[in-house]
Amino acid sequence: TSTELGHYVDVLASDAYEGREAGSRGGRAAGDYIVQVLEDNDLQPAGEDGGYYQPFGEGYRNILGLIPGRDPELTREYIVIGGHYDHVGYGTAQNSFGPTGVIHNGADDNASGTAGVLEVMQAFKSLPEPPRRSILFAFWDGEEKGLWGSKYWVEHPTVPLKNVRAALNIDMVGRLRNNDLTVYGVRTAPGLRQLVAETIPHQRKAAK
């Protein structure tokens, strides 16, 4: 619901998480909060050593949770739905156009996308039965430092890359207006552009 979306954004973008810089105290606290939400929704851990985290670098952590598919054959195929949860902390001249040394809350970038991923996860969990394919929910760390988290996962995948059928990344959706949705990368897989073109107009019409 929109209320739940707003709640997640309010929490993640609060001063308590100090701008969620990757590897920082606030960034790690934000990660712990996301893991708590996954645990509360009974998501299967899909990180390393039976947990939700995939550590890398100097204190950075991707977060991975799984809804196993119900089809005995297709459960070995994966749809990845993700977004980065880190932001820029207190800001520096290299990563901020505004004043530095103050908390950069990152409500849009990317508390909004993180909230979206959490809500999609909850929507799948509320279905009468799981989807046929497995859904991997990924919360990337270190994106603001150079896409570090997603790059690390591709280099050290927690599921076979050859079995990933599609990947959707949700980033900066907090300022969408008038039921407009911008979708990038529609030419990255055969048939994807047609699928998006056929689906979105129907959704807009239904919304009206």
N, C-alpha and C. Protein backbone atom coordinates (compact mmCIF):
# COMPACT_ATOMS: atom_id res chain seq x y z
N THR A 1 0.84 -1.19 0.00
CA THR A 1 0.00 0.00 0.00
C THR A 1 0.88 1.24 0.00
N SER A 2 0.29 2.35 -0.37
CA SER A 2 1.04 3.60 -0.37
C SER A 2 1.48 3.98 1.04
N THR A 3 0.67 3.62 2.03
CA THR A 3 1.05 3.90 3.42
C THR A 3 2.31 3.14 3.81
N GLU A 4 2.38 1.86 3.43
CA GLU A 4 3.58 1.07 3.73
C GLU A 4 4.79 1.59 2.98
N LEU A 5 4.60 1.96 1.72
CA LEU A 5 5.70 2.55 0.95
C LEU A 5 6.24 3.78 1.66
N GLY A 6 5.33 4.65 2.07
CA GLY A 6 5.75 5.86 2.76
C GLY A 6 6.46 5.58 4.06
N HIS A 7 6.02 4.55 4.76
CA HIS A 7 6.67 4.20 6.02
C HIS A 7 8.10 3.76 5.79
N TYR A 8 8.32 2.90 4.81
CA TYR A 8 9.68 2.43 4.53
C TYR A 8 10.59 3.60 4.14
N VAL A 9 10.08 4.51 3.33
CA VAL A 9 10.89 5.67 2.93
C VAL A 9 11.20 6.53 4.13
N ASP A 10 10.20 6.77 4.97
CA ASP A 10 10.42 7.60 6.16
C ASP A 10 11.49 7.00 7.07
N VAL A 11 11.46 5.69 7.25
CA VAL A 11 12.44 5.05 8.11
C VAL A 11 13.83 5.11 7.49
N LEU A 12 13.96 4.67 6.25
CA LEU A 12 15.27 4.57 5.62
C LEU A 12 15.91 5.95 5.40
N ALA A 13 15.08 6.97 5.18
CA ALA A 13 15.61 8.31 4.92
C ALA A 13 15.68 9.16 6.20
N SER A 14 15.46 8.54 7.34
CA SER A 14 15.52 9.31 8.58
C SER A 14 16.96 9.62 8.96
N ASP A 15 17.13 10.63 9.79
CA ASP A 15 18.48 11.00 10.24
C ASP A 15 19.16 9.87 11.01
N ALA A 16 18.38 8.94 11.54
CA ALA A 16 18.96 7.86 12.33
C ALA A 16 19.96 7.03 11.54
N TYR A 17 19.79 6.98 10.21
CA TYR A 17 20.68 6.17 9.37
C TYR A 17 21.77 7.00 8.70
N GLU A 18 21.84 8.26 9.04
CA GLU A 18 22.97 9.13 8.66
C GLU A 18 23.31 9.07 7.18
N GLY A 19 22.29 8.98 6.33
CA GLY A 19 22.53 9.00 4.89
C GLY A 19 22.96 7.68 4.29
N ARG A 20 23.02 6.60 5.08
CA ARG A 20 23.21 5.23 4.60
C ARG A 20 24.46 5.04 3.72
N GLU A 21 25.54 5.73 4.04
CA GLU A 21 26.74 5.53 3.24
C GLU A 21 27.23 4.08 3.40
N ALA A 22 27.61 3.46 2.30
CA ALA A 22 28.07 2.08 2.33
C ALA A 22 29.26 1.93 3.27
N GLY A 23 29.20 0.93 4.13
CA GLY A 23 30.28 0.66 5.05
C GLY A 23 30.25 1.47 6.33
N SER A 24 29.35 2.44 6.42
CA SER A 24 29.29 3.30 7.60
C SER A 24 28.35 2.70 8.65
N ARG A 25 28.36 3.30 9.83
CA ARG A 25 27.45 2.88 10.90
C ARG A 25 26.00 2.96 10.44
N GLY A 26 25.63 4.06 9.81
CA GLY A 26 24.26 4.22 9.34
C GLY A 26 23.91 3.26 8.23
N GLY A 27 24.85 3.01 7.33
CA GLY A 27 24.60 2.07 6.25
C GLY A 27 24.36 0.66 6.76
N ARG A 28 25.15 0.26 7.76
CA ARG A 28 24.98 -1.07 8.32
C ARG A 28 23.67 -1.18 9.10
N ALA A 29 23.29 -0.11 9.78
CA ALA A 29 22.02 -0.11 10.50
C ALA A 29 20.84 -0.22 9.54
N ALA A 30 20.92 0.47 8.41
CA ALA A 30 19.87 0.38 7.41
C ALA A 30 19.77 -1.04 6.87
N GLY A 31 20.92 -1.67 6.65
CA GLY A 31 20.92 -3.05 6.20
C GLY A 31 20.26 -3.97 7.21
N ASP A 32 20.54 -3.76 8.49
CA ASP A 32 19.92 -4.57 9.53
C ASP A 32 18.41 -4.40 9.54
N TYR A 33 17.95 -3.17 9.27
CA TYR A 33 16.51 -2.92 9.22
C TYR A 33 15.86 -3.70 8.07
N ILE A 34 16.49 -3.68 6.91
CA ILE A 34 15.95 -4.40 5.76
C ILE A 34 15.89 -5.89 6.04
N VAL A 35 16.93 -6.43 6.65
CA VAL A 35 16.94 -7.85 6.99
C VAL A 35 15.81 -8.18 7.95
N GLN A 36 15.53 -7.30 8.89
CA GLN A 36 14.43 -7.53 9.82
C GLN A 36 13.11 -7.62 9.08
N VAL A 37 12.92 -6.76 8.06
CA VAL A 37 11.69 -6.82 7.26
C VAL A 37 11.61 -8.15 6.52
N LEU A 38 12.72 -8.60 5.95
CA LEU A 38 12.72 -9.89 5.25
C LEU A 38 12.39 -11.03 6.21
N GLU A 39 12.97 -10.99 7.39
CA GLU A 39 12.68 -12.03 8.38
C GLU A 39 11.21 -12.00 8.80
N ASP A 40 10.67 -10.81 8.99
CA ASP A 40 9.27 -10.68 9.39
C ASP A 40 8.33 -11.25 8.33
N ASN A 41 8.78 -11.25 7.07
CA ASN A 41 7.95 -11.77 5.97
C ASN A 41 8.35 -13.18 5.55
N ASP A 42 9.18 -13.83 6.37
CA ASP A 42 9.55 -15.23 6.15
C ASP A 42 10.20 -15.46 4.80
N LEU A 43 11.04 -14.52 4.39
CA LEU A 43 11.77 -14.72 3.15
C LEU A 43 12.97 -15.64 3.41
N GLN A 44 13.23 -16.52 2.48
CA GLN A 44 14.33 -17.46 2.64
C GLN A 44 15.66 -16.73 2.46
N PRO A 45 16.60 -16.86 3.38
CA PRO A 45 17.91 -16.22 3.21
C PRO A 45 18.60 -16.74 1.95
N ALA A 46 19.24 -15.84 1.20
CA ALA A 46 19.89 -16.23 -0.05
C ALA A 46 21.27 -15.62 -0.18
N GLY A 47 21.86 -15.21 0.96
CA GLY A 47 23.21 -14.67 0.93
C GLY A 47 24.23 -15.77 1.18
N GLU A 48 25.26 -15.45 1.92
CA GLU A 48 26.31 -16.42 2.20
C GLU A 48 26.13 -17.04 3.59
N ASP A 49 26.62 -18.27 3.71
CA ASP A 49 26.62 -18.98 5.00
C ASP A 49 25.24 -19.08 5.63
N GLY A 50 24.22 -19.24 4.78
CA GLY A 50 22.87 -19.43 5.28
C GLY A 50 22.20 -18.17 5.78
N GLY A 51 22.77 -17.01 5.53
CA GLY A 51 22.18 -15.75 5.98
C GLY A 51 21.71 -14.88 4.83
N TYR A 52 21.30 -13.69 5.16
CA TYR A 52 20.82 -12.75 4.15
C TYR A 52 21.94 -11.92 3.53
N TYR A 53 23.07 -11.80 4.22
CA TYR A 53 24.12 -10.89 3.77
C TYR A 53 25.11 -11.56 2.82
N GLN A 54 25.61 -10.77 1.89
CA GLN A 54 26.76 -11.13 1.07
C GLN A 54 27.81 -10.05 1.30
N PRO A 55 28.73 -10.28 2.23
CA PRO A 55 29.74 -9.26 2.54
C PRO A 55 30.74 -9.12 1.39
N PHE A 56 31.28 -7.91 1.25
CA PHE A 56 32.36 -7.69 0.29
C PHE A 56 33.08 -6.41 0.67
N GLY A 57 34.30 -6.27 0.17
CA GLY A 57 35.05 -5.04 0.39
C GLY A 57 35.27 -4.75 1.87
N GLU A 58 35.33 -3.47 2.18
CA GLU A 58 35.60 -3.00 3.54
C GLU A 58 34.30 -2.73 4.29
N GLY A 59 33.64 -3.79 4.69
CA GLY A 59 32.44 -3.64 5.49
C GLY A 59 31.17 -3.41 4.70
N TYR A 60 31.16 -3.72 3.40
CA TYR A 60 29.96 -3.56 2.59
C TYR A 60 29.17 -4.86 2.57
N ARG A 61 27.84 -4.75 2.36
CA ARG A 61 27.00 -5.94 2.42
C ARG A 61 25.82 -5.83 1.47
N ASN A 62 25.76 -6.73 0.48
CA ASN A 62 24.52 -6.94 -0.25
C ASN A 62 23.57 -7.73 0.63
N ILE A 63 22.27 -7.59 0.38
CA ILE A 63 21.25 -8.32 1.12
C ILE A 63 20.41 -9.09 0.11
N LEU A 64 20.22 -10.40 0.34
CA LEU A 64 19.56 -11.25 -0.64
C LEU A 64 18.54 -12.16 0.04
N GLY A 65 17.32 -12.14 -0.48
CA GLY A 65 16.26 -12.99 0.02
C GLY A 65 15.54 -13.67 -1.13
N LEU A 66 14.98 -14.84 -0.90
CA LEU A 66 14.43 -15.66 -1.98
C LEU A 66 13.02 -16.13 -1.67
N ILE A 67 12.17 -16.10 -2.71
CA ILE A 67 10.91 -16.82 -2.70
C ILE A 67 11.06 -17.97 -3.69
N PRO A 68 11.18 -19.19 -3.23
CA PRO A 68 11.36 -20.32 -4.15
C PRO A 68 10.13 -20.52 -5.03
N GLY A 69 10.37 -20.86 -6.30
CA GLY A 69 9.27 -21.11 -7.22
C GLY A 69 8.56 -22.41 -6.91
N ARG A 70 7.29 -22.47 -7.28
CA ARG A 70 6.49 -23.65 -6.96
C ARG A 70 6.62 -24.75 -8.01
N ASP A 71 7.02 -24.40 -9.24
CA ASP A 71 7.12 -25.39 -10.31
C ASP A 71 8.39 -26.22 -10.12
N PRO A 72 8.28 -27.55 -10.10
CA PRO A 72 9.46 -28.39 -9.84
C PRO A 72 10.62 -28.15 -10.81
N GLU A 73 10.32 -27.78 -12.05
CA GLU A 73 11.37 -27.52 -13.03
C GLU A 73 11.78 -26.05 -13.04
N LEU A 74 10.80 -25.16 -13.07
CA LEU A 74 11.10 -23.73 -13.21
C LEU A 74 11.65 -23.11 -11.94
N THR A 75 11.56 -23.81 -10.82
CA THR A 75 12.10 -23.25 -9.57
C THR A 75 13.60 -23.03 -9.66
N ARG A 76 14.25 -23.71 -10.62
CA ARG A 76 15.70 -23.52 -10.81
C ARG A 76 16.01 -22.30 -11.67
N GLU A 77 14.97 -21.61 -12.15
CA GLU A 77 15.14 -20.36 -12.88
C GLU A 77 14.79 -19.20 -11.95
N TYR A 78 15.45 -18.05 -12.19
CA TYR A 78 15.33 -16.93 -11.24
C TYR A 78 14.97 -15.63 -11.96
N ILE A 79 14.12 -14.87 -11.30
CA ILE A 79 13.88 -13.47 -11.65
C ILE A 79 14.50 -12.64 -10.52
N VAL A 80 15.37 -11.72 -10.86
CA VAL A 80 16.02 -10.88 -9.86
C VAL A 80 15.31 -9.52 -9.83
N ILE A 81 14.86 -9.13 -8.66
CA ILE A 81 14.25 -7.81 -8.45
C ILE A 81 15.07 -7.11 -7.39
N GLY A 82 15.68 -5.97 -7.74
CA GLY A 82 16.59 -5.34 -6.80
C GLY A 82 16.61 -3.83 -6.87
N GLY A 83 17.38 -3.26 -5.97
CA GLY A 83 17.61 -1.83 -5.91
C GLY A 83 18.68 -1.58 -4.85
N HIS A 84 19.42 -0.49 -4.98
CA HIS A 84 20.47 -0.22 -3.99
C HIS A 84 19.88 0.51 -2.79
N TYR A 85 20.41 0.18 -1.61
CA TYR A 85 19.89 0.80 -0.39
C TYR A 85 20.84 1.83 0.20
N ASP A 86 22.05 1.94 -0.33
CA ASP A 86 23.01 2.91 0.20
C ASP A 86 22.76 4.29 -0.40
N HIS A 87 23.27 5.31 0.28
CA HIS A 87 23.26 6.68 -0.25
C HIS A 87 24.64 7.28 0.03
N VAL A 88 24.76 8.58 0.18
CA VAL A 88 26.08 9.22 0.22
C VAL A 88 26.47 9.74 1.61
N GLY A 89 25.72 9.32 2.63
CA GLY A 89 26.11 9.71 3.99
C GLY A 89 26.02 11.20 4.23
N TYR A 90 27.13 11.79 4.63
CA TYR A 90 27.18 13.23 4.91
C TYR A 90 27.59 14.05 3.69
N GLY A 91 27.86 13.37 2.59
CA GLY A 91 28.15 14.09 1.36
C GLY A 91 29.57 14.60 1.28
N THR A 92 30.13 14.52 0.08
CA THR A 92 31.45 15.08 -0.19
C THR A 92 31.37 15.87 -1.50
N ALA A 93 32.43 16.56 -1.81
CA ALA A 93 32.47 17.31 -3.07
C ALA A 93 32.38 16.39 -4.28
N GLN A 94 32.70 15.11 -4.08
CA GLN A 94 32.67 14.16 -5.19
C GLN A 94 31.29 13.56 -5.43
N ASN A 95 30.44 13.55 -4.40
CA ASN A 95 29.16 12.87 -4.61
C ASN A 95 27.94 13.74 -4.29
N SER A 96 28.15 15.03 -4.04
CA SER A 96 27.02 15.88 -3.69
C SER A 96 27.11 17.23 -4.38
N PHE A 97 25.96 17.69 -4.88
CA PHE A 97 25.88 19.03 -5.45
C PHE A 97 25.43 20.05 -4.40
N GLY A 98 25.05 19.57 -3.22
CA GLY A 98 24.58 20.45 -2.17
C GLY A 98 25.63 20.66 -1.11
N PRO A 99 25.23 21.14 0.04
CA PRO A 99 26.18 21.34 1.14
C PRO A 99 26.73 20.01 1.63
N THR A 100 27.99 19.98 1.98
CA THR A 100 28.61 18.76 2.48
C THR A 100 28.75 18.84 4.00
N GLY A 101 28.95 17.67 4.61
CA GLY A 101 29.08 17.62 6.06
C GLY A 101 27.77 17.58 6.79
N VAL A 102 26.65 17.46 6.07
CA VAL A 102 25.33 17.33 6.68
C VAL A 102 24.70 16.05 6.12
N ILE A 103 23.75 15.51 6.85
CA ILE A 103 23.14 14.25 6.44
C ILE A 103 22.41 14.42 5.11
N HIS A 104 22.74 13.56 4.16
CA HIS A 104 22.02 13.47 2.90
C HIS A 104 21.05 12.29 3.03
N ASN A 105 19.78 12.58 3.17
CA ASN A 105 18.82 11.55 3.56
C ASN A 105 18.50 10.54 2.45
N GLY A 106 18.58 10.95 1.19
CA GLY A 106 18.39 10.00 0.10
C GLY A 106 17.01 9.38 0.04
N ALA A 107 15.97 10.19 0.24
CA ALA A 107 14.61 9.65 0.20
C ALA A 107 14.29 9.09 -1.19
N ASP A 108 14.66 9.82 -2.23
CA ASP A 108 14.41 9.33 -3.59
C ASP A 108 15.48 8.33 -4.00
N ASP A 109 16.73 8.66 -3.71
CA ASP A 109 17.88 7.87 -4.17
C ASP A 109 18.55 7.19 -2.97
N ASN A 110 18.19 6.03 -2.55
CA ASN A 110 17.19 5.22 -3.23
C ASN A 110 16.30 4.54 -2.18
N ALA A 111 15.93 5.33 -1.15
CA ALA A 111 14.95 4.79 -0.22
C ALA A 111 13.65 4.46 -0.94
N SER A 112 13.33 5.24 -1.96
CA SER A 112 12.09 4.99 -2.72
C SER A 112 12.16 3.65 -3.44
N GLY A 113 13.29 3.37 -4.09
CA GLY A 113 13.43 2.10 -4.79
C GLY A 113 13.48 0.93 -3.84
N THR A 114 14.17 1.11 -2.71
CA THR A 114 14.22 0.05 -1.70
C THR A 114 12.82 -0.25 -1.18
N ALA A 115 12.05 0.79 -0.90
CA ALA A 115 10.67 0.60 -0.46
C ALA A 115 9.86 -0.13 -1.53
N GLY A 116 10.10 0.21 -2.79
CA GLY A 116 9.40 -0.47 -3.87
C GLY A 116 9.71 -1.95 -3.91
N VAL A 117 10.99 -2.30 -3.75
CA VAL A 117 11.37 -3.72 -3.75
C VAL A 117 10.72 -4.45 -2.58
N LEU A 118 10.70 -3.82 -1.41
CA LEU A 118 10.07 -4.44 -0.25
C LEU A 118 8.58 -4.66 -0.47
N GLU A 119 7.92 -3.71 -1.11
CA GLU A 119 6.49 -3.86 -1.35
C GLU A 119 6.20 -4.92 -2.41
N VAL A 120 7.05 -5.01 -3.44
CA VAL A 120 6.90 -6.08 -4.43
C VAL A 120 7.07 -7.44 -3.75
N MET A 121 8.05 -7.51 -2.87
CA MET A 121 8.28 -8.75 -2.12
C MET A 121 7.03 -9.13 -1.33
N GLN A 122 6.46 -8.15 -0.62
CA GLN A 122 5.27 -8.44 0.17
C GLN A 122 4.08 -8.82 -0.71
N ALA A 123 3.99 -8.23 -1.90
CA ALA A 123 2.91 -8.58 -2.82
C ALA A 123 3.02 -10.04 -3.26
N PHE A 124 4.24 -10.47 -3.58
CA PHE A 124 4.44 -11.87 -3.95
C PHE A 124 4.13 -12.80 -2.78
N LYS A 125 4.52 -12.39 -1.57
CA LYS A 125 4.27 -13.24 -0.41
C LYS A 125 2.78 -13.36 -0.09
N SER A 126 1.99 -12.39 -0.53
CA SER A 126 0.56 -12.41 -0.23
C SER A 126 -0.24 -13.22 -1.25
N LEU A 127 0.40 -13.70 -2.31
CA LEU A 127 -0.30 -14.49 -3.32
C LEU A 127 -0.78 -15.81 -2.72
N PRO A 128 -1.87 -16.37 -3.25
CA PRO A 128 -2.35 -17.67 -2.75
C PRO A 128 -1.31 -18.77 -2.88
N GLU A 129 -0.46 -18.70 -3.90
CA GLU A 129 0.63 -19.65 -4.07
C GLU A 129 1.82 -18.93 -4.68
N PRO A 130 3.03 -19.42 -4.47
CA PRO A 130 4.22 -18.74 -4.99
C PRO A 130 4.22 -18.74 -6.52
N PRO A 131 5.01 -17.86 -7.13
CA PRO A 131 5.15 -17.88 -8.59
C PRO A 131 5.84 -19.16 -9.05
N ARG A 132 5.78 -19.45 -10.32
CA ARG A 132 6.37 -20.69 -10.84
C ARG A 132 7.88 -20.65 -10.76
N ARG A 133 8.47 -19.51 -11.10
CA ARG A 133 9.92 -19.35 -10.99
C ARG A 133 10.29 -18.76 -9.64
N SER A 134 11.53 -18.94 -9.26
CA SER A 134 12.02 -18.35 -8.01
C SER A 134 12.28 -16.86 -8.20
N ILE A 135 12.00 -16.08 -7.18
CA ILE A 135 12.22 -14.64 -7.20
C ILE A 135 13.31 -14.31 -6.20
N LEU A 136 14.40 -13.73 -6.69
CA LEU A 136 15.50 -13.30 -5.83
C LEU A 136 15.40 -11.81 -5.62
N PHE A 137 15.23 -11.39 -4.37
CA PHE A 137 15.16 -9.97 -4.04
C PHE A 137 16.53 -9.53 -3.55
N ALA A 138 17.07 -8.51 -4.21
CA ALA A 138 18.45 -8.07 -3.95
C ALA A 138 18.47 -6.60 -3.56
N PHE A 139 19.18 -6.32 -2.49
CA PHE A 139 19.37 -4.95 -2.02
C PHE A 139 20.87 -4.69 -2.08
N TRP A 140 21.28 -3.89 -3.07
CA TRP A 140 22.70 -3.70 -3.36
C TRP A 140 23.31 -2.64 -2.45
N ASP A 141 24.52 -2.87 -2.02
CA ASP A 141 25.28 -1.90 -1.25
C ASP A 141 26.38 -1.33 -2.16
N GLY A 142 26.87 -0.15 -1.81
CA GLY A 142 27.99 0.44 -2.54
C GLY A 142 27.67 0.93 -3.94
N GLU A 143 26.40 1.13 -4.26
CA GLU A 143 26.06 1.62 -5.61
C GLU A 143 26.62 3.01 -5.83
N GLU A 144 26.53 3.86 -4.81
CA GLU A 144 26.98 5.24 -4.95
C GLU A 144 28.51 5.33 -5.09
N LYS A 145 29.20 4.28 -4.79
CA LYS A 145 30.66 4.27 -4.90
C LYS A 145 31.13 3.71 -6.24
N GLY A 146 30.17 3.32 -7.08
CA GLY A 146 30.53 2.82 -8.40
C GLY A 146 29.90 1.49 -8.74
N LEU A 147 28.64 1.29 -8.34
CA LEU A 147 27.91 0.05 -8.62
C LEU A 147 28.61 -1.17 -8.02
N TRP A 148 29.29 -0.98 -6.90
CA TRP A 148 30.14 -2.04 -6.36
C TRP A 148 29.36 -3.29 -5.99
N GLY A 149 28.21 -3.13 -5.35
CA GLY A 149 27.47 -4.30 -4.87
C GLY A 149 26.96 -5.19 -5.97
N SER A 150 26.33 -4.61 -6.97
CA SER A 150 25.80 -5.42 -8.07
C SER A 150 26.94 -6.04 -8.89
N LYS A 151 28.04 -5.29 -9.06
CA LYS A 151 29.19 -5.85 -9.76
C LYS A 151 29.76 -7.05 -9.00
N TYR A 152 29.83 -6.91 -7.68
CA TYR A 152 30.37 -8.01 -6.89
C TYR A 152 29.48 -9.24 -7.01
N TRP A 153 28.16 -9.05 -6.99
CA TRP A 153 27.25 -10.19 -7.08
C TRP A 153 27.39 -10.90 -8.42
N VAL A 154 27.53 -10.13 -9.49
CA VAL A 154 27.70 -10.76 -10.81
C VAL A 154 29.00 -11.56 -10.86
N GLU A 155 30.03 -11.06 -10.18
CA GLU A 155 31.30 -11.78 -10.15
C GLU A 155 31.28 -12.95 -9.16
N HIS A 156 30.41 -12.86 -8.15
CA HIS A 156 30.30 -13.91 -7.13
C HIS A 156 28.80 -14.22 -6.92
N PRO A 157 28.13 -14.74 -7.94
CA PRO A 157 26.67 -14.93 -7.86
C PRO A 157 26.30 -15.97 -6.82
N THR A 158 25.19 -15.73 -6.15
CA THR A 158 24.68 -16.67 -5.15
C THR A 158 23.70 -17.67 -5.76
N VAL A 159 23.31 -17.44 -7.00
CA VAL A 159 22.56 -18.42 -7.79
C VAL A 159 23.23 -18.48 -9.15
N PRO A 160 23.07 -19.57 -9.90
CA PRO A 160 23.74 -19.67 -11.21
C PRO A 160 23.28 -18.56 -12.17
N LEU A 161 24.22 -17.78 -12.67
CA LEU A 161 23.85 -16.69 -13.58
C LEU A 161 23.14 -17.20 -14.82
N LYS A 162 23.51 -18.38 -15.28
CA LYS A 162 22.89 -18.93 -16.49
C LYS A 162 21.41 -19.21 -16.29
N ASN A 163 20.96 -19.28 -15.02
CA ASN A 163 19.56 -19.55 -14.73
C ASN A 163 18.75 -18.30 -14.45
N VAL A 164 19.38 -17.13 -14.52
CA VAL A 164 18.65 -15.87 -14.33
C VAL A 164 17.96 -15.51 -15.64
N ARG A 165 16.64 -15.44 -15.59
CA ARG A 165 15.87 -15.20 -16.81
C ARG A 165 15.59 -13.72 -17.05
N ALA A 166 15.57 -12.94 -15.99
CA ALA A 166 15.34 -11.50 -16.13
C ALA A 166 15.78 -10.82 -14.84
N ALA A 167 16.16 -9.55 -14.96
CA ALA A 167 16.54 -8.76 -13.79
C ALA A 167 15.92 -7.38 -13.90
N LEU A 168 15.29 -6.94 -12.83
CA LEU A 168 14.64 -5.63 -12.78
C LEU A 168 15.26 -4.83 -11.64
N ASN A 169 15.73 -3.64 -11.95
CA ASN A 169 16.34 -2.77 -10.94
C ASN A 169 15.44 -1.54 -10.73
N ILE A 170 15.12 -1.28 -9.48
CA ILE A 170 14.21 -0.17 -9.15
C ILE A 170 15.03 0.94 -8.49
N ASP A 171 15.08 2.10 -9.14
CA ASP A 171 15.94 3.18 -8.65
C ASP A 171 15.24 4.53 -8.84
N MET A 172 15.16 5.30 -7.77
CA MET A 172 14.65 6.67 -7.82
C MET A 172 13.25 6.75 -8.44
N VAL A 173 12.30 6.13 -7.75
CA VAL A 173 10.91 6.18 -8.20
C VAL A 173 10.07 7.10 -7.31
N GLY A 174 10.73 7.87 -6.47
CA GLY A 174 10.00 8.70 -5.52
C GLY A 174 9.43 9.98 -6.11
N ARG A 175 9.83 10.33 -7.32
CA ARG A 175 9.35 11.57 -7.91
C ARG A 175 8.54 11.34 -9.18
N LEU A 176 8.04 10.13 -9.37
CA LEU A 176 7.20 9.87 -10.53
C LEU A 176 5.88 10.60 -10.38
N ARG A 177 5.38 11.13 -11.47
CA ARG A 177 4.14 11.90 -11.44
C ARG A 177 3.21 11.48 -12.57
N ASN A 178 1.91 11.69 -12.38
CA ASN A 178 0.90 11.50 -13.42
C ASN A 178 0.89 10.08 -13.98
N ASN A 179 1.14 9.11 -13.11
CA ASN A 179 1.13 7.70 -13.51
C ASN A 179 2.15 7.38 -14.60
N ASP A 180 3.19 8.20 -14.71
CA ASP A 180 4.25 7.94 -15.68
C ASP A 180 5.32 7.07 -15.05
N LEU A 181 5.78 6.08 -15.79
CA LEU A 181 6.83 5.18 -15.34
C LEU A 181 7.89 5.10 -16.43
N THR A 182 9.14 5.36 -16.09
CA THR A 182 10.23 5.30 -17.05
C THR A 182 10.93 3.96 -16.93
N VAL A 183 11.01 3.24 -18.04
CA VAL A 183 11.64 1.92 -18.06
C VAL A 183 12.84 1.96 -19.00
N TYR A 184 14.01 1.68 -18.45
CA TYR A 184 15.23 1.64 -19.25
C TYR A 184 15.62 0.19 -19.53
N GLY A 185 16.42 0.01 -20.58
CA GLY A 185 16.98 -1.30 -20.87
C GLY A 185 16.04 -2.25 -21.56
N VAL A 186 15.03 -1.73 -22.26
CA VAL A 186 14.04 -2.62 -22.87
C VAL A 186 14.60 -3.37 -24.08
N ARG A 187 15.80 -3.01 -24.51
CA ARG A 187 16.43 -3.74 -25.62
C ARG A 187 17.51 -4.71 -25.14
N THR A 188 17.53 -4.99 -23.84
CA THR A 188 18.57 -5.86 -23.29
C THR A 188 18.19 -7.34 -23.37
N ALA A 189 16.99 -7.66 -23.81
CA ALA A 189 16.59 -9.07 -23.96
C ALA A 189 15.53 -9.17 -25.06
N PRO A 190 15.55 -10.23 -25.84
CA PRO A 190 14.55 -10.40 -26.88
C PRO A 190 13.14 -10.43 -26.31
N GLY A 191 12.26 -9.64 -26.91
CA GLY A 191 10.86 -9.62 -26.50
C GLY A 191 10.53 -8.69 -25.35
N LEU A 192 11.57 -8.12 -24.69
CA LEU A 192 11.30 -7.30 -23.51
C LEU A 192 10.63 -5.99 -23.89
N ARG A 193 11.08 -5.37 -24.98
CA ARG A 193 10.48 -4.10 -25.40
C ARG A 193 9.00 -4.27 -25.74
N GLN A 194 8.68 -5.35 -26.42
CA GLN A 194 7.29 -5.61 -26.77
C GLN A 194 6.45 -5.87 -25.53
N LEU A 195 7.02 -6.62 -24.58
CA LEU A 195 6.30 -6.91 -23.34
C LEU A 195 5.96 -5.63 -22.58
N VAL A 196 6.95 -4.73 -22.46
CA VAL A 196 6.72 -3.47 -21.76
C VAL A 196 5.70 -2.61 -22.51
N ALA A 197 5.84 -2.55 -23.83
CA ALA A 197 4.93 -1.73 -24.63
C ALA A 197 3.50 -2.23 -24.55
N GLU A 198 3.33 -3.53 -24.45
CA GLU A 198 1.98 -4.09 -24.39
C GLU A 198 1.37 -3.96 -23.00
N THR A 199 2.21 -3.95 -21.98
CA THR A 199 1.71 -3.99 -20.60
C THR A 199 1.40 -2.61 -20.05
N ILE A 200 2.31 -1.65 -20.23
CA ILE A 200 2.15 -0.35 -19.58
C ILE A 200 0.91 0.40 -20.04
N PRO A 201 0.59 0.44 -21.34
CA PRO A 201 -0.64 1.16 -21.72
C PRO A 201 -1.88 0.61 -21.04
N HIS A 202 -1.96 -0.70 -20.87
CA HIS A 202 -3.13 -1.29 -20.20
C HIS A 202 -3.17 -0.87 -18.74
N GLN A 203 -2.02 -0.80 -18.11
CA GLN A 203 -1.99 -0.38 -16.72
C GLN A 203 -2.44 1.07 -16.57
N ARG A 204 -2.01 1.92 -17.49
CA ARG A 204 -2.41 3.33 -17.42
C ARG A 204 -3.92 3.45 -17.63
N LYS A 205 -4.42 2.70 -18.59
CA LYS A 205 -5.85 2.78 -18.87
C LYS A 205 -6.64 2.31 -17.66
N ALA A 206 -6.16 1.24 -17.02
CA ALA A 206 -6.86 0.73 -15.85
C ALA A 206 -6.82 1.75 -14.71
N ALA A 207 -5.68 2.48 -14.62
CA ALA A 207 -5.55 3.45 -13.55
C ALA A 207 -6.53 4.61 -13.73
N LYS A 208 -6.79 4.95 -14.98
CA LYS A 208 -7.73 6.03 -15.23
C LYS A 208 -9.17 5.61 -14.95
